[in-house]
Amino acid sequence: MAATLTANEEAQLLQTIEMFEVITQSQPLDYQSLEILKEAYFKLGRQKEVVDTSKRIAQAYVQLGQLSSAILEYESILQRYPDDPDVQAALAEIESKASSFVVPGEVE
């Protein structure tokens, strides 16, 4: 995908990455900024950074208690990298957290 970018577009994406890396370092739970960062990496064809940023997004969702969003993010990584041990472990951890939730009004 990076081959279709003009030099100006590539420069803009690199500037976006630089800016949003700073933002997300100081605000690691800002998943919207992380999404922008992931998209910029994707447009540049930098798959390792796309996956790393997806993991950061999923971790932010977990910390914010948005487990279903975290699961979706991790599953999107597994579609490309089904044997990723970090993602498999993170999903197992989320499942154990989710199973420990008690719905109000339910009898244990």
PDB file of N, CA and C in Angstrom:
ATOM      1  N   MET A   1       0.821  -1.193   0.000  1.00  0.00           N
ATOM      2  CA  MET A   1       0.000   0.000   0.000  1.00  0.00           C
ATOM      3  C   MET A   1       0.859   1.248   0.000  1.00  0.00           C
ATOM      4  N   ALA A   2       2.004   1.197   0.651  1.00  0.00           N
ATOM      5  CA  ALA A   2       2.866   2.368   0.760  1.00  0.00           C
ATOM      6  C   ALA A   2       3.340   2.850  -0.609  1.00  0.00           C
ATOM      7  N   ALA A   3       3.411   1.951  -1.593  1.00  0.00           N
ATOM      8  CA  ALA A   3       3.917   2.321  -2.907  1.00  0.00           C
ATOM      9  C   ALA A   3       3.016   3.325  -3.618  1.00  0.00           C
ATOM     10  N   THR A   4       1.743   3.386  -3.268  1.00  0.00           N
ATOM     11  CA  THR A   4       0.823   4.297  -3.945  1.00  0.00           C
ATOM     12  C   THR A   4       0.800   5.685  -3.316  1.00  0.00           C
ATOM     13  N   LEU A   5       1.555   5.908  -2.267  1.00  0.00           N
ATOM     14  CA  LEU A   5       1.575   7.204  -1.597  1.00  0.00           C
ATOM     15  C   LEU A   5       2.533   8.154  -2.299  1.00  0.00           C
ATOM     16  N   THR A   6       2.143   9.425  -2.365  1.00  0.00           N
ATOM     17  CA  THR A   6       3.078  10.434  -2.845  1.00  0.00           C
ATOM     18  C   THR A   6       4.052  10.750  -1.720  1.00  0.00           C
ATOM     19  N   ALA A   7       5.133  11.421  -2.065  1.00  0.00           N
ATOM     20  CA  ALA A   7       6.117  11.798  -1.046  1.00  0.00           C
ATOM     21  C   ALA A   7       5.476  12.700  -0.001  1.00  0.00           C
ATOM     22  N   ASN A   8       4.580  13.573  -0.442  1.00  0.00           N
ATOM     23  CA  ASN A   8       3.898  14.484   0.483  1.00  0.00           C
ATOM     24  C   ASN A   8       2.978  13.713   1.429  1.00  0.00           C
ATOM     25  N   GLU A   9       2.234  12.747   0.879  1.00  0.00           N
ATOM     26  CA  GLU A   9       1.342  11.938   1.723  1.00  0.00           C
ATOM     27  C   GLU A   9       2.139  11.139   2.750  1.00  0.00           C
ATOM     28  N   GLU A  10       3.250  10.586   2.304  1.00  0.00           N
ATOM     29  CA  GLU A  10       4.092   9.818   3.228  1.00  0.00           C
ATOM     30  C   GLU A  10       4.642  10.723   4.331  1.00  0.00           C
ATOM     31  N   ALA A  11       5.069  11.921   3.955  1.00  0.00           N
ATOM     32  CA  ALA A  11       5.590  12.869   4.945  1.00  0.00           C
ATOM     33  C   ALA A  11       4.509  13.249   5.953  1.00  0.00           C
ATOM     34  N   GLN A  12       3.283  13.451   5.464  1.00  0.00           N
ATOM     35  CA  GLN A  12       2.171  13.783   6.366  1.00  0.00           C
ATOM     36  C   GLN A  12       1.886  12.634   7.324  1.00  0.00           C
ATOM     37  N   LEU A  13       1.918  11.409   6.824  1.00  0.00           N
ATOM     38  CA  LEU A  13       1.678  10.248   7.681  1.00  0.00           C
ATOM     39  C   LEU A  13       2.770  10.106   8.737  1.00  0.00           C
ATOM     40  N   LEU A  14       4.010  10.335   8.342  1.00  0.00           N
ATOM     41  CA  LEU A  14       5.108  10.257   9.309  1.00  0.00           C
ATOM     42  C   LEU A  14       4.972  11.333  10.378  1.00  0.00           C
ATOM     43  N   GLN A  15       4.510  12.507   9.974  1.00  0.00           N
ATOM     44  CA  GLN A  15       4.280  13.587  10.935  1.00  0.00           C
ATOM     45  C   GLN A  15       3.132  13.220  11.877  1.00  0.00           C
ATOM     46  N   THR A  16       2.082  12.624  11.329  1.00  0.00           N
ATOM     47  CA  THR A  16       0.949  12.163  12.141  1.00  0.00           C
ATOM     48  C   THR A  16       1.421  11.134  13.164  1.00  0.00           C
ATOM     49  N   ILE A  17       2.229  10.191  12.710  1.00  0.00           N
ATOM     50  CA  ILE A  17       2.749   9.160  13.614  1.00  0.00           C
ATOM     51  C   ILE A  17       3.554   9.787  14.741  1.00  0.00           C
ATOM     52  N   GLU A  18       4.435  10.707  14.380  1.00  0.00           N
ATOM     53  CA  GLU A  18       5.265  11.357  15.398  1.00  0.00           C
ATOM     54  C   GLU A  18       4.395  12.059  16.441  1.00  0.00           C
ATOM     55  N   MET A  19       3.387  12.791  15.973  1.00  0.00           N
ATOM     56  CA  MET A  19       2.514  13.538  16.881  1.00  0.00           C
ATOM     57  C   MET A  19       1.698  12.597  17.771  1.00  0.00           C
ATOM     58  N   PHE A  20       1.106  11.561  17.175  1.00  0.00           N
ATOM     59  CA  PHE A  20       0.238  10.680  17.948  1.00  0.00           C
ATOM     60  C   PHE A  20       1.018   9.715  18.837  1.00  0.00           C
ATOM     61  N   GLU A  21       2.267   9.425  18.509  1.00  0.00           N
ATOM     62  CA  GLU A  21       3.099   8.646  19.434  1.00  0.00           C
ATOM     63  C   GLU A  21       3.318   9.444  20.718  1.00  0.00           C
ATOM     64  N   VAL A  22       3.554  10.750  20.581  1.00  0.00           N
ATOM     65  CA  VAL A  22       3.737  11.607  21.760  1.00  0.00           C
ATOM     66  C   VAL A  22       2.455  11.637  22.586  1.00  0.00           C
ATOM     67  N   ILE A  23       1.321  11.827  21.918  1.00  0.00           N
ATOM     68  CA  ILE A  23       0.031  11.885  22.616  1.00  0.00           C
ATOM     69  C   ILE A  23      -0.235  10.585  23.362  1.00  0.00           C
ATOM     70  N   THR A  24      -0.032   9.456  22.682  1.00  0.00           N
ATOM     71  CA  THR A  24      -0.380   8.172  23.297  1.00  0.00           C
ATOM     72  C   THR A  24       0.629   7.740  24.361  1.00  0.00           C
ATOM     73  N   GLN A  25       1.835   8.274  24.317  1.00  0.00           N
ATOM     74  CA  GLN A  25       2.778   7.986  25.403  1.00  0.00           C
ATOM     75  C   GLN A  25       2.319   8.660  26.693  1.00  0.00           C
ATOM     76  N   SER A  26       1.802   9.881  26.566  1.00  0.00           N
ATOM     77  CA  SER A  26       1.350  10.603  27.764  1.00  0.00           C
ATOM     78  C   SER A  26      -0.069  10.217  28.163  1.00  0.00           C
ATOM     79  N   GLN A  27      -0.846   9.693  27.207  1.00  0.00           N
ATOM     80  CA  GLN A  27      -2.231   9.291  27.473  1.00  0.00           C
ATOM     81  C   GLN A  27      -2.460   7.890  26.898  1.00  0.00           C
ATOM     82  N   PRO A  28      -1.929   6.863  27.555  1.00  0.00           N
ATOM     83  CA  PRO A  28      -1.981   5.512  26.985  1.00  0.00           C
ATOM     84  C   PRO A  28      -3.382   4.915  26.858  1.00  0.00           C
ATOM     85  N   LEU A  29      -4.375   5.495  27.516  1.00  0.00           N
ATOM     86  CA  LEU A  29      -5.741   4.969  27.407  1.00  0.00           C
ATOM     87  C   LEU A  29      -6.561   5.694  26.343  1.00  0.00           C
ATOM     88  N   ASP A  30      -5.939   6.616  25.613  1.00  0.00           N
ATOM     89  CA  ASP A  30      -6.630   7.369  24.562  1.00  0.00           C
ATOM     90  C   ASP A  30      -6.733   6.497  23.312  1.00  0.00           C
ATOM     91  N   TYR A  31      -7.734   5.610  23.316  1.00  0.00           N
ATOM     92  CA  TYR A  31      -7.842   4.642  22.227  1.00  0.00           C
ATOM     93  C   TYR A  31      -8.174   5.297  20.892  1.00  0.00           C
ATOM     94  N   GLN A  32      -8.807   6.476  20.905  1.00  0.00           N
ATOM     95  CA  GLN A  32      -9.098   7.159  19.638  1.00  0.00           C
ATOM     96  C   GLN A  32      -7.804   7.619  18.968  1.00  0.00           C
ATOM     97  N   SER A  33      -6.885   8.156  19.752  1.00  0.00           N
ATOM     98  CA  SER A  33      -5.583   8.544  19.199  1.00  0.00           C
ATOM     99  C   SER A  33      -4.801   7.314  18.749  1.00  0.00           C
ATOM    100  N   LEU A  34      -4.916   6.230  19.498  1.00  0.00           N
ATOM    101  CA  LEU A  34      -4.258   4.987  19.097  1.00  0.00           C
ATOM    102  C   LEU A  34      -4.818   4.472  17.771  1.00  0.00           C
ATOM    103  N   GLU A  35      -6.121   4.624  17.560  1.00  0.00           N
ATOM    104  CA  GLU A  35      -6.732   4.208  16.287  1.00  0.00           C
ATOM    105  C   GLU A  35      -6.166   5.018  15.122  1.00  0.00           C
ATOM    106  N   ILE A  36      -5.999   6.321  15.328  1.00  0.00           N
ATOM    107  CA  ILE A  36      -5.423   7.179  14.288  1.00  0.00           C
ATOM    108  C   ILE A  36      -3.992   6.732  13.988  1.00  0.00           C
ATOM    109  N   LEU A  37      -3.256   6.447  15.033  1.00  0.00           N
ATOM    110  CA  LEU A  37      -1.883   5.975  14.892  1.00  0.00           C
ATOM    111  C   LEU A  37      -1.839   4.658  14.116  1.00  0.00           C
ATOM    112  N   LYS A  38      -2.711   3.742  14.469  1.00  0.00           N
ATOM    113  CA  LYS A  38      -2.770   2.440  13.783  1.00  0.00           C
ATOM    114  C   LYS A  38      -3.068   2.626  12.297  1.00  0.00           C
ATOM    115  N   GLU A  39      -4.003   3.507  11.977  1.00  0.00           N
ATOM    116  CA  GLU A  39      -4.370   3.766  10.583  1.00  0.00           C
ATOM    117  C   GLU A  39      -3.184   4.340   9.802  1.00  0.00           C
ATOM    118  N   ALA A  40      -2.435   5.239  10.426  1.00  0.00           N
ATOM    119  CA  ALA A  40      -1.265   5.818   9.755  1.00  0.00           C
ATOM    120  C   ALA A  40      -0.220   4.739   9.471  1.00  0.00           C
ATOM    121  N   TYR A  41       0.028   3.878  10.446  1.00  0.00           N
ATOM    122  CA  TYR A  41       0.964   2.776  10.222  1.00  0.00           C
ATOM    123  C   TYR A  41       0.466   1.863   9.102  1.00  0.00           C
ATOM    124  N   PHE A  42      -0.832   1.592   9.085  1.00  0.00           N
ATOM    125  CA  PHE A  42      -1.414   0.731   8.053  1.00  0.00           C
ATOM    126  C   PHE A  42      -1.192   1.328   6.667  1.00  0.00           C
ATOM    127  N   LYS A  43      -1.445   2.629   6.539  1.00  0.00           N
ATOM    128  CA  LYS A  43      -1.290   3.289   5.237  1.00  0.00           C
ATOM    129  C   LYS A  43       0.157   3.266   4.757  1.00  0.00           C
ATOM    130  N   LEU A  44       1.096   3.210   5.697  1.00  0.00           N
ATOM    131  CA  LEU A  44       2.511   3.128   5.333  1.00  0.00           C
ATOM    132  C   LEU A  44       2.979   1.686   5.140  1.00  0.00           C
ATOM    133  N   GLY A  45       2.084   0.725   5.385  1.00  0.00           N
ATOM    134  CA  GLY A  45       2.435  -0.676   5.210  1.00  0.00           C
ATOM    135  C   GLY A  45       3.329  -1.229   6.306  1.00  0.00           C
ATOM    136  N   ARG A  46       3.301  -0.617   7.470  1.00  0.00           N
ATOM    137  CA  ARG A  46       4.155  -1.034   8.593  1.00  0.00           C
ATOM    138  C   ARG A  46       3.364  -1.976   9.505  1.00  0.00           C
ATOM    139  N   GLN A  47       3.291  -3.252   9.084  1.00  0.00           N
ATOM    140  CA  GLN A  47       2.422  -4.229   9.744  1.00  0.00           C
ATOM    141  C   GLN A  47       2.794  -4.505  11.197  1.00  0.00           C
ATOM    142  N   LYS A  48       4.085  -4.554  11.513  1.00  0.00           N
ATOM    143  CA  LYS A  48       4.477  -4.813  12.898  1.00  0.00           C
ATOM    144  C   LYS A  48       3.927  -3.722  13.807  1.00  0.00           C
ATOM    145  N   GLU A  49       4.034  -2.475  13.367  1.00  0.00           N
ATOM    146  CA  GLU A  49       3.532  -1.360  14.168  1.00  0.00           C
ATOM    147  C   GLU A  49       2.009  -1.369  14.244  1.00  0.00           C
ATOM    148  N   VAL A  50       1.353  -1.823  13.172  1.00  0.00           N
ATOM    149  CA  VAL A  50      -0.110  -1.945  13.192  1.00  0.00           C
ATOM    150  C   VAL A  50      -0.520  -2.922  14.291  1.00  0.00           C
ATOM    151  N   VAL A  51       0.136  -4.073  14.335  1.00  0.00           N
ATOM    152  CA  VAL A  51      -0.189  -5.094  15.338  1.00  0.00           C
ATOM    153  C   VAL A  51       0.142  -4.595  16.742  1.00  0.00           C
ATOM    154  N   ASP A  52       1.309  -3.982  16.893  1.00  0.00           N
ATOM    155  CA  ASP A  52       1.689  -3.460  18.213  1.00  0.00           C
ATOM    156  C   ASP A  52       0.685  -2.418  18.702  1.00  0.00           C
ATOM    157  N   THR A  53       0.236  -1.564  17.791  1.00  0.00           N
ATOM    158  CA  THR A  53      -0.732  -0.530  18.170  1.00  0.00           C
ATOM    159  C   THR A  53      -2.090  -1.150  18.471  1.00  0.00           C
ATOM    160  N   SER A  54      -2.473  -2.183  17.729  1.00  0.00           N
ATOM    161  CA  SER A  54      -3.722  -2.895  18.031  1.00  0.00           C
ATOM    162  C   SER A  54      -3.683  -3.478  19.437  1.00  0.00           C
ATOM    163  N   LYS A  55      -2.536  -4.018  19.818  1.00  0.00           N
ATOM    164  CA  LYS A  55      -2.392  -4.562  21.171  1.00  0.00           C
ATOM    165  C   LYS A  55      -2.521  -3.453  22.212  1.00  0.00           C
ATOM    166  N   ARG A  56      -1.950  -2.287  21.920  1.00  0.00           N
ATOM    167  CA  ARG A  56      -2.070  -1.152  22.848  1.00  0.00           C
ATOM    168  C   ARG A  56      -3.529  -0.706  22.970  1.00  0.00           C
ATOM    169  N   ILE A  57      -4.250  -0.721  21.852  1.00  0.00           N
ATOM    170  CA  ILE A  57      -5.672  -0.353  21.874  1.00  0.00           C
ATOM    171  C   ILE A  57      -6.438  -1.342  22.744  1.00  0.00           C
ATOM    172  N   ALA A  58      -6.204  -2.628  22.527  1.00  0.00           N
ATOM    173  CA  ALA A  58      -6.901  -3.656  23.305  1.00  0.00           C
ATOM    174  C   ALA A  58      -6.585  -3.523  24.789  1.00  0.00           C
ATOM    175  N   GLN A  59      -5.323  -3.252  25.119  1.00  0.00           N
ATOM    176  CA  GLN A  59      -4.943  -3.081  26.522  1.00  0.00           C
ATOM    177  C   GLN A  59      -5.645  -1.870  27.135  1.00  0.00           C
ATOM    178  N   ALA A  60      -5.779  -0.807  26.352  1.00  0.00           N
ATOM    179  CA  ALA A  60      -6.494   0.378  26.842  1.00  0.00           C
ATOM    180  C   ALA A  60      -7.950   0.032  27.124  1.00  0.00           C
ATOM    181  N   TYR A  61      -8.575  -0.704  26.202  1.00  0.00           N
ATOM    182  CA  TYR A  61      -9.968  -1.115  26.415  1.00  0.00           C
ATOM    183  C   TYR A  61     -10.109  -1.940  27.690  1.00  0.00           C
ATOM    184  N   VAL A  62      -9.177  -2.857  27.921  1.00  0.00           N
ATOM    185  CA  VAL A  62      -9.238  -3.683  29.132  1.00  0.00           C
ATOM    186  C   VAL A  62      -9.167  -2.794  30.366  1.00  0.00           C
ATOM    187  N   GLN A  63      -8.224  -1.860  30.371  1.00  0.00           N
ATOM    188  CA  GLN A  63      -8.068  -0.988  31.532  1.00  0.00           C
ATOM    189  C   GLN A  63      -9.282  -0.090  31.741  1.00  0.00           C
ATOM    190  N   LEU A  64      -9.986   0.218  30.658  1.00  0.00           N
ATOM    191  CA  LEU A  64     -11.195   1.041  30.762  1.00  0.00           C
ATOM    192  C   LEU A  64     -12.437   0.201  31.058  1.00  0.00           C
ATOM    193  N   GLY A  65     -12.262  -1.129  31.144  1.00  0.00           N
ATOM    194  CA  GLY A  65     -13.384  -2.013  31.435  1.00  0.00           C
ATOM    195  C   GLY A  65     -14.250  -2.325  30.232  1.00  0.00           C
ATOM    196  N   GLN A  66     -13.783  -1.990  29.042  1.00  0.00           N
ATOM    197  CA  GLN A  66     -14.539  -2.247  27.809  1.00  0.00           C
ATOM    198  C   GLN A  66     -14.061  -3.571  27.207  1.00  0.00           C
ATOM    199  N   LEU A  67     -14.441  -4.643  27.896  1.00  0.00           N
ATOM    200  CA  LEU A  67     -13.909  -5.959  27.540  1.00  0.00           C
ATOM    201  C   LEU A  67     -14.344  -6.430  26.163  1.00  0.00           C
ATOM    202  N   SER A  68     -15.582  -6.141  25.767  1.00  0.00           N
ATOM    203  CA  SER A  68     -16.029  -6.601  24.448  1.00  0.00           C
ATOM    204  C   SER A  68     -15.235  -5.910  23.341  1.00  0.00           C
ATOM    205  N   SER A  69     -14.917  -4.628  23.521  1.00  0.00           N
ATOM    206  CA  SER A  69     -14.096  -3.921  22.530  1.00  0.00           C
ATOM    207  C   SER A  69     -12.683  -4.490  22.502  1.00  0.00           C
ATOM    208  N   ALA A  70     -12.154  -4.832  23.668  1.00  0.00           N
ATOM    209  CA  ALA A  70     -10.818  -5.435  23.742  1.00  0.00           C
ATOM    210  C   ALA A  70     -10.797  -6.773  23.015  1.00  0.00           C
ATOM    211  N   ILE A  71     -11.826  -7.571  23.236  1.00  0.00           N
ATOM    212  CA  ILE A  71     -11.905  -8.878  22.577  1.00  0.00           C
ATOM    213  C   ILE A  71     -11.931  -8.711  21.063  1.00  0.00           C
ATOM    214  N   LEU A  72     -12.734  -7.771  20.569  1.00  0.00           N
ATOM    215  CA  LEU A  72     -12.805  -7.535  19.121  1.00  0.00           C
ATOM    216  C   LEU A  72     -11.444  -7.129  18.561  1.00  0.00           C
ATOM    217  N   GLU A  73     -10.739  -6.277  19.281  1.00  0.00           N
ATOM    218  CA  GLU A  73      -9.416  -5.822  18.820  1.00  0.00           C
ATOM    219  C   GLU A  73      -8.434  -6.990  18.787  1.00  0.00           C
ATOM    220  N   TYR A  74      -8.419  -7.788  19.849  1.00  0.00           N
ATOM    221  CA  TYR A  74      -7.525  -8.950  19.875  1.00  0.00           C
ATOM    222  C   TYR A  74      -7.892  -9.958  18.783  1.00  0.00           C
ATOM    223  N   GLU A  75      -9.180 -10.166  18.560  1.00  0.00           N
ATOM    224  CA  GLU A  75      -9.592 -11.124  17.529  1.00  0.00           C
ATOM    225  C   GLU A  75      -9.189 -10.652  16.135  1.00  0.00           C
ATOM    226  N   SER A  76      -9.181  -9.338  15.919  1.00  0.00           N
ATOM    227  CA  SER A  76      -8.742  -8.834  14.614  1.00  0.00           C
ATOM    228  C   SER A  76      -7.253  -9.128  14.394  1.00  0.00           C
ATOM    229  N   ILE A  77      -6.473  -9.121  15.467  1.00  0.00           N
ATOM    230  CA  ILE A  77      -5.053  -9.489  15.348  1.00  0.00           C
ATOM    231  C   ILE A  77      -4.931 -10.977  15.037  1.00  0.00           C
ATOM    232  N   LEU A  78      -5.725 -11.794  15.733  1.00  0.00           N
ATOM    233  CA  LEU A  78      -5.651 -13.248  15.530  1.00  0.00           C
ATOM    234  C   LEU A  78      -6.049 -13.661  14.120  1.00  0.00           C
ATOM    235  N   GLN A  79      -6.875 -12.865  13.448  1.00  0.00           N
ATOM    236  CA  GLN A  79      -7.235 -13.191  12.066  1.00  0.00           C
ATOM    237  C   GLN A  79      -5.998 -13.184  11.170  1.00  0.00           C
ATOM    238  N   ARG A  80      -5.055 -12.286  11.458  1.00  0.00           N
ATOM    239  CA  ARG A  80      -3.828 -12.214  10.662  1.00  0.00           C
ATOM    240  C   ARG A  80      -2.710 -13.074  11.239  1.00  0.00           C
ATOM    241  N   TYR A  81      -2.662 -13.158  12.566  1.00  0.00           N
ATOM    242  CA  TYR A  81      -1.586 -13.872  13.257  1.00  0.00           C
ATOM    243  C   TYR A  81      -2.194 -14.823  14.283  1.00  0.00           C
ATOM    244  N   PRO A  82      -2.758 -15.953  13.816  1.00  0.00           N
ATOM    245  CA  PRO A  82      -3.501 -16.849  14.716  1.00  0.00           C
ATOM    246  C   PRO A  82      -2.662 -17.487  15.819  1.00  0.00           C
ATOM    247  N   ASP A  83      -1.356 -17.499  15.677  1.00  0.00           N
ATOM    248  CA  ASP A  83      -0.511 -18.152  16.681  1.00  0.00           C
ATOM    249  C   ASP A  83       0.166 -17.164  17.623  1.00  0.00           C
ATOM    250  N   ASP A  84      -0.297 -15.916  17.647  1.00  0.00           N
ATOM    251  CA  ASP A  84       0.339 -14.901  18.504  1.00  0.00           C
ATOM    252  C   ASP A  84       0.095 -15.250  19.971  1.00  0.00           C
ATOM    253  N   PRO A  85       1.149 -15.644  20.703  1.00  0.00           N
ATOM    254  CA  PRO A  85       0.957 -16.088  22.091  1.00  0.00           C
ATOM    255  C   PRO A  85       0.509 -14.964  23.028  1.00  0.00           C
ATOM    256  N   ASP A  86       0.957 -13.727  22.769  1.00  0.00           N
ATOM    257  CA  ASP A  86       0.549 -12.599  23.617  1.00  0.00           C
ATOM    258  C   ASP A  86      -0.955 -12.373  23.527  1.00  0.00           C
ATOM    259  N   VAL A  87      -1.465 -12.439  22.314  1.00  0.00           N
ATOM    260  CA  VAL A  87      -2.897 -12.212  22.106  1.00  0.00           C
ATOM    261  C   VAL A  87      -3.708 -13.357  22.694  1.00  0.00           C
ATOM    262  N   GLN A  88      -3.248 -14.580  22.486  1.00  0.00           N
ATOM    263  CA  GLN A  88      -3.960 -15.728  23.057  1.00  0.00           C
ATOM    264  C   GLN A  88      -4.013 -15.633  24.577  1.00  0.00           C
ATOM    265  N   ALA A  89      -2.905 -15.243  25.199  1.00  0.00           N
ATOM    266  CA  ALA A  89      -2.866 -15.108  26.662  1.00  0.00           C
ATOM    267  C   ALA A  89      -3.775 -13.975  27.128  1.00  0.00           C
ATOM    268  N   ALA A  90      -3.764 -12.872  26.397  1.00  0.00           N
ATOM    269  CA  ALA A  90      -4.606 -11.733  26.771  1.00  0.00           C
ATOM    270  C   ALA A  90      -6.086 -12.090  26.674  1.00  0.00           C
ATOM    271  N   LEU A  91      -6.459 -12.812  25.618  1.00  0.00           N
ATOM    272  CA  LEU A  91      -7.860 -13.231  25.480  1.00  0.00           C
ATOM    273  C   LEU A  91      -8.263 -14.179  26.605  1.00  0.00           C
ATOM    274  N   ALA A  92      -7.390 -15.091  26.969  1.00  0.00           N
ATOM    275  CA  ALA A  92      -7.691 -16.012  28.074  1.00  0.00           C
ATOM    276  C   ALA A  92      -7.883 -15.238  29.372  1.00  0.00           C
ATOM    277  N   GLU A  93      -7.061 -14.217  29.576  1.00  0.00           N
ATOM    278  CA  GLU A  93      -7.182 -13.398  30.785  1.00  0.00           C
ATOM    279  C   GLU A  93      -8.509 -12.628  30.798  1.00  0.00           C
ATOM    280  N   ILE A  94      -8.888 -12.092  29.645  1.00  0.00           N
ATOM    281  CA  ILE A  94     -10.165 -11.369  29.562  1.00  0.00           C
ATOM    282  C   ILE A  94     -11.323 -12.313  29.838  1.00  0.00           C
ATOM    283  N   GLU A  95     -11.257 -13.511  29.275  1.00  0.00           N
ATOM    284  CA  GLU A  95     -12.327 -14.484  29.503  1.00  0.00           C
ATOM    285  C   GLU A  95     -12.452 -14.826  30.980  1.00  0.00           C
ATOM    286  N   SER A  96     -11.321 -14.937  31.665  1.00  0.00           N
ATOM    287  CA  SER A  96     -11.400 -15.248  33.096  1.00  0.00           C
ATOM    288  C   SER A  96     -11.958 -14.062  33.877  1.00  0.00           C
ATOM    289  N   LYS A  97     -11.607 -12.835  33.459  1.00  0.00           N
ATOM    290  CA  LYS A  97     -12.181 -11.651  34.108  1.00  0.00           C
ATOM    291  C   LYS A  97     -13.684 -11.594  33.867  1.00  0.00           C
ATOM    292  N   ALA A  98     -14.086 -11.841  32.625  1.00  0.00           N
ATOM    293  CA  ALA A  98     -15.501 -11.759  32.270  1.00  0.00           C
ATOM    294  C   ALA A  98     -16.313 -12.805  33.017  1.00  0.00           C
ATOM    295  N   SER A  99     -15.751 -13.986  33.202  1.00  0.00           N
ATOM    296  CA  SER A  99     -16.500 -15.040  33.889  1.00  0.00           C
ATOM    297  C   SER A  99     -16.608 -14.780  35.386  1.00  0.00           C
ATOM    298  N   SER A 100     -15.770 -13.875  35.909  1.00  0.00           N
ATOM    299  CA  SER A 100     -15.839 -13.580  37.342  1.00  0.00           C
ATOM    300  C   SER A 100     -16.853 -12.487  37.662  1.00  0.00           C
ATOM    301  N   PHE A 101     -17.375 -11.828  36.615  1.00  0.00           N
ATOM    302  CA  PHE A 101     -18.391 -10.805  36.856  1.00  0.00           C
ATOM    303  C   PHE A 101     -19.693 -11.456  37.291  1.00  0.00           C
ATOM    304  N   VAL A 102     -20.344 -10.866  38.274  1.00  0.00           N
ATOM    305  CA  VAL A 102     -21.640 -11.357  38.728  1.00  0.00           C
ATOM    306  C   VAL A 102     -22.685 -10.341  38.290  1.00  0.00           C
ATOM    307  N   VAL A 103     -23.688 -10.819  37.598  1.00  0.00           N
ATOM    308  CA  VAL A 103     -24.767  -9.943  37.159  1.00  0.00           C
ATOM    309  C   VAL A 103     -25.660  -9.645  38.355  1.00  0.00           C
ATOM    310  N   PRO A 104     -25.949  -8.365  38.625  1.00  0.00           N
ATOM    311  CA  PRO A 104     -26.818  -8.036  39.763  1.00  0.00           C
ATOM    312  C   PRO A 104     -28.154  -8.768  39.663  1.00  0.00           C
ATOM    313  N   GLY A 105     -28.573  -9.339  40.764  1.00  0.00           N
ATOM    314  CA  GLY A 105     -29.849 -10.051  40.795  1.00  0.00           C
ATOM    315  C   GLY A 105     -29.716 -11.537  40.535  1.00  0.00           C
ATOM    316  N   GLU A 106     -28.558 -11.969  40.038  1.00  0.00           N
ATOM    317  CA  GLU A 106     -28.357 -13.397  39.791  1.00  0.00           C
ATOM    318  C   GLU A 106     -27.944 -14.090  41.080  1.00  0.00           C
ATOM    319  N   VAL A 107     -28.404 -15.291  41.240  1.00  0.00           N
ATOM    320  CA  VAL A 107     -28.027 -16.088  42.405  1.00  0.00           C
ATOM    321  C   VAL A 107     -26.805 -16.906  42.030  1.00  0.00           C
ATOM    322  N   GLU A 108     -25.799 -16.873  42.907  1.00  0.00           N
ATOM    323  CA  GLU A 108     -24.588 -17.653  42.623  1.00  0.00           C
ATOM    324  C   GLU A 108     -24.803 -19.103  42.948  1.00  0.00           C
TER     325      GLU A 108
END
